[in-house]
Amino acid sequence: MKLTIAHSPDSDDAYMMAPLALGWMDPEGFEIEFIRKDIEQLNAEATESRYDVTAISFGAYPELKDRYDLLTAGSSIQEGTGPLVVSRTPLDVAALKALTIAIPGRRTSAYLSMRKWCAEHGFEPAVELMPFDQILPAVVEGRFQAGLLIHESQLMYHDAGLRLVVDLGA
């Protein structure tokens, strides 16, 4: 039986797929096809039930709960960690209100967290979507003054010369 497993190309998803993808684990008769795509694209494709197993953002789950069951392992969300809003220069909330923020997707858990934080500070953020792995370089290059980082970008922003505006996981 063929089984399609879709995941994002970020390191934690790749790590979770490694035992099957590298042959360290017996697929027990399944022929597995791995699909790697940006998380927002996977969120959208999950609304079409395109894959047997798929990574999705926790923020997308309410829309998908009738299409997919949650697995008992594999979550990238944990207490005390979360998405980061970063910028090239120090920003306060008032300055952030006037900017367009690069985000990894409207269905992502990161954007859900950011929208909640923004609402608590009295504004709806102006946003532009881009693949999660392109946000950090876009902010570094000045194409955006602020970006919402997820995955390994959260570990690299400081070395890239960016500044933390808000840690949404704090």
Foldseek 3Di string as FASTA:
>chain_A
DEFEEEEEPFDLRCVVCCCVVVVVDDPPPYDYDYHYDFQQVQLVVLLVVNGRHYDHAPLSCVVNVVNDDDDPDDDPDDAQAAKFKKFLDADALVRQQPFEEEEQHPSHPQNVLVQVVNVVVPHGHHYDYDGQVCRLVCRLVPVGGIYIHDGCVVVCNVVSNMGTHDGSND
